[in-house]
Amino acid sequence: MKRDQVLNEAKKIINGKREQDYGSAFRNHKRIAEGWTIILRECYGLKGNIEPSHVALMMDWIKTCRLMNGIDHEDSWIDKAGYTALGAEFAIEEQLIG
């Protein structure tokens, strides 16, 4: 795919279905930033760095923010469950390694 095709497709997506499903991109990203700030503050305060389990929390937060615009978006619920399962597995692995 050429760069113009990528940009044209992205433009269609962010101005179409995604905006309908998730609302204002600015508002959604603001919510994400607020949640990530809390998560990262705790990461650095407790561990001093970001672990894979923290990334799973942040990805879950993205899906939570998306659901704030439409609680019936099944794909986001499924993704949240997946990130939760991965995060739990990562937390166990981090304790074994770290």
C-alpha atoms as a PDB file:
ATOM      1  CA  MET A   1       0.000   0.000   0.000  1.00  0.00           C
ATOM      2  CA  LYS A   2       1.391   3.401  -0.956  1.00  0.00           C
ATOM      3  CA  ARG A   3       1.543   6.304   1.508  1.00  0.00           C
ATOM      4  CA  ASP A   4      -1.302   8.204  -0.149  1.00  0.00           C
ATOM      5  CA  GLN A   5      -3.501   5.117   0.076  1.00  0.00           C
ATOM      6  CA  VAL A   6      -2.639   4.730   3.768  1.00  0.00           C
ATOM      7  CA  LEU A   7      -3.433   8.375   4.465  1.00  0.00           C
ATOM      8  CA  ASN A   8      -6.694   8.279   2.502  1.00  0.00           C
ATOM      9  CA  GLU A   9      -7.814   5.134   4.317  1.00  0.00           C
ATOM     10  CA  ALA A  10      -6.879   6.618   7.691  1.00  0.00           C
ATOM     11  CA  LYS A  11      -8.830   9.776   6.872  1.00  0.00           C
ATOM     12  CA  LYS A  12     -11.921   7.722   6.045  1.00  0.00           C
ATOM     13  CA  ILE A  13     -11.623   5.735   9.264  1.00  0.00           C
ATOM     14  CA  ILE A  14     -10.992   8.578  11.714  1.00  0.00           C
ATOM     15  CA  ASN A  15     -13.686  10.795  10.189  1.00  0.00           C
ATOM     16  CA  GLY A  16     -16.228   8.002   9.770  1.00  0.00           C
ATOM     17  CA  LYS A  17     -16.980   4.891  11.783  1.00  0.00           C
ATOM     18  CA  ARG A  18     -14.392   5.458  14.514  1.00  0.00           C
ATOM     19  CA  GLU A  19     -15.745   8.898  15.250  1.00  0.00           C
ATOM     20  CA  GLN A  20     -19.275   7.484  15.330  1.00  0.00           C
ATOM     21  CA  ASP A  21     -18.255   4.620  17.630  1.00  0.00           C
ATOM     22  CA  TYR A  22     -15.882   6.473  19.967  1.00  0.00           C
ATOM     23  CA  GLY A  23     -16.936  10.122  19.745  1.00  0.00           C
ATOM     24  CA  SER A  24     -14.630  13.099  19.586  1.00  0.00           C
ATOM     25  CA  ALA A  25     -11.017  12.008  19.126  1.00  0.00           C
ATOM     26  CA  PHE A  26      -9.808  14.887  21.307  1.00  0.00           C
ATOM     27  CA  ARG A  27     -12.177  14.026  24.151  1.00  0.00           C
ATOM     28  CA  ASN A  28     -11.304  10.328  23.930  1.00  0.00           C
ATOM     29  CA  HIS A  29      -7.561  11.035  23.964  1.00  0.00           C
ATOM     30  CA  LYS A  30      -8.023  13.405  26.905  1.00  0.00           C
ATOM     31  CA  ARG A  31      -9.698  10.615  28.893  1.00  0.00           C
ATOM     32  CA  ILE A  32      -6.904   8.243  27.915  1.00  0.00           C
ATOM     33  CA  ALA A  33      -4.272  10.782  29.029  1.00  0.00           C
ATOM     34  CA  GLU A  34      -5.963  11.221  32.404  1.00  0.00           C
ATOM     35  CA  GLY A  35      -6.050   7.473  33.065  1.00  0.00           C
ATOM     36  CA  TRP A  36      -2.534   6.886  31.816  1.00  0.00           C
ATOM     37  CA  THR A  37      -1.265   9.677  34.062  1.00  0.00           C
ATOM     38  CA  ILE A  38      -2.643   7.845  37.092  1.00  0.00           C
ATOM     39  CA  ILE A  39      -1.288   4.478  35.962  1.00  0.00           C
ATOM     40  CA  LEU A  40       2.159   5.869  35.132  1.00  0.00           C
ATOM     41  CA  ARG A  41       2.384   7.817  38.384  1.00  0.00           C
ATOM     42  CA  GLU A  42       1.807   4.570  40.259  1.00  0.00           C
ATOM     43  CA  CYS A  43       4.238   2.624  38.041  1.00  0.00           C
ATOM     44  CA  TYR A  44       7.083   5.001  38.634  1.00  0.00           C
ATOM     45  CA  GLY A  45       6.225   5.424  42.314  1.00  0.00           C
ATOM     46  CA  LEU A  46       6.136   1.707  43.069  1.00  0.00           C
ATOM     47  CA  LYS A  47       8.453   0.089  40.545  1.00  0.00           C
ATOM     48  CA  GLY A  48      10.467   2.940  39.050  1.00  0.00           C
ATOM     49  CA  ASN A  49       9.669   1.743  35.523  1.00  0.00           C
ATOM     50  CA  ILE A  50       6.878   0.469  33.288  1.00  0.00           C
ATOM     51  CA  GLU A  51       6.333  -3.280  33.175  1.00  0.00           C
ATOM     52  CA  PRO A  52       4.348  -5.255  30.569  1.00  0.00           C
ATOM     53  CA  SER A  53       1.483  -5.595  33.072  1.00  0.00           C
ATOM     54  CA  HIS A  54       1.266  -1.790  33.206  1.00  0.00           C
ATOM     55  CA  VAL A  55       1.018  -1.679  29.426  1.00  0.00           C
ATOM     56  CA  ALA A  56      -1.893  -4.138  29.645  1.00  0.00           C
ATOM     57  CA  LEU A  57      -3.576  -1.765  32.132  1.00  0.00           C
ATOM     58  CA  MET A  58      -3.057   1.169  29.773  1.00  0.00           C
ATOM     59  CA  MET A  59      -4.423  -0.746  26.783  1.00  0.00           C
ATOM     60  CA  ASP A  60      -7.428  -1.773  28.876  1.00  0.00           C
ATOM     61  CA  TRP A  61      -7.937   1.904  29.734  1.00  0.00           C
ATOM     62  CA  ILE A  62      -8.087   2.774  26.028  1.00  0.00           C
ATOM     63  CA  LYS A  63     -10.908   0.278  25.613  1.00  0.00           C
ATOM     64  CA  THR A  64     -12.642   1.652  28.727  1.00  0.00           C
ATOM     65  CA  CYS A  65     -12.501   5.172  27.285  1.00  0.00           C
ATOM     66  CA  ARG A  66     -13.920   3.972  24.002  1.00  0.00           C
ATOM     67  CA  LEU A  67     -16.797   2.304  25.820  1.00  0.00           C
ATOM     68  CA  MET A  68     -17.651   5.609  27.502  1.00  0.00           C
ATOM     69  CA  ASN A  69     -19.068   6.747  24.161  1.00  0.00           C
ATOM     70  CA  GLY A  70     -20.965   3.532  23.453  1.00  0.00           C
ATOM     71  CA  ILE A  71     -21.279   0.888  26.138  1.00  0.00           C
ATOM     72  CA  ASP A  72     -22.609  -1.617  23.600  1.00  0.00           C
ATOM     73  CA  HIS A  73     -19.413  -1.906  21.522  1.00  0.00           C
ATOM     74  CA  GLU A  74     -18.815  -5.651  21.853  1.00  0.00           C
ATOM     75  CA  ASP A  75     -15.300  -5.597  20.375  1.00  0.00           C
ATOM     76  CA  SER A  76     -14.048  -3.282  23.127  1.00  0.00           C
ATOM     77  CA  TRP A  77     -15.449  -5.577  25.836  1.00  0.00           C
ATOM     78  CA  ILE A  78     -13.671  -8.539  24.271  1.00  0.00           C
ATOM     79  CA  ASP A  79     -10.424  -6.591  23.970  1.00  0.00           C
ATOM     80  CA  LYS A  80     -10.679  -5.532  27.644  1.00  0.00           C
ATOM     81  CA  ALA A  81     -11.018  -9.179  28.668  1.00  0.00           C
ATOM     82  CA  GLY A  82      -7.982 -10.061  26.579  1.00  0.00           C
ATOM     83  CA  TYR A  83      -5.837  -7.287  28.081  1.00  0.00           C
ATOM     84  CA  THR A  84      -6.941  -8.318  31.580  1.00  0.00           C
ATOM     85  CA  ALA A  85      -5.918 -11.926  30.955  1.00  0.00           C
ATOM     86  CA  LEU A  86      -2.583 -10.874  29.488  1.00  0.00           C
ATOM     87  CA  GLY A  87      -1.937  -8.414  32.318  1.00  0.00           C
ATOM     88  CA  ALA A  88      -2.561 -11.088  34.934  1.00  0.00           C
ATOM     89  CA  GLU A  89      -0.173 -13.454  33.178  1.00  0.00           C
ATOM     90  CA  PHE A  90       2.456 -10.735  32.801  1.00  0.00           C
ATOM     91  CA  ALA A  91       2.209  -9.792  36.500  1.00  0.00           C
ATOM     92  CA  ILE A  92       2.968 -13.383  37.483  1.00  0.00           C
ATOM     93  CA  GLU A  93       5.871 -13.561  35.060  1.00  0.00           C
ATOM     94  CA  GLU A  94       7.274 -10.229  36.307  1.00  0.00           C
ATOM     95  CA  GLN A  95       7.344 -11.555  39.876  1.00  0.00           C
ATOM     96  CA  LEU A  96       9.223 -14.651  38.742  1.00  0.00           C
ATOM     97  CA  ILE A  97      11.724 -12.656  36.713  1.00  0.00           C
ATOM     98  CA  GLY A  98      12.070  -9.503  38.813  1.00  0.00           C
END
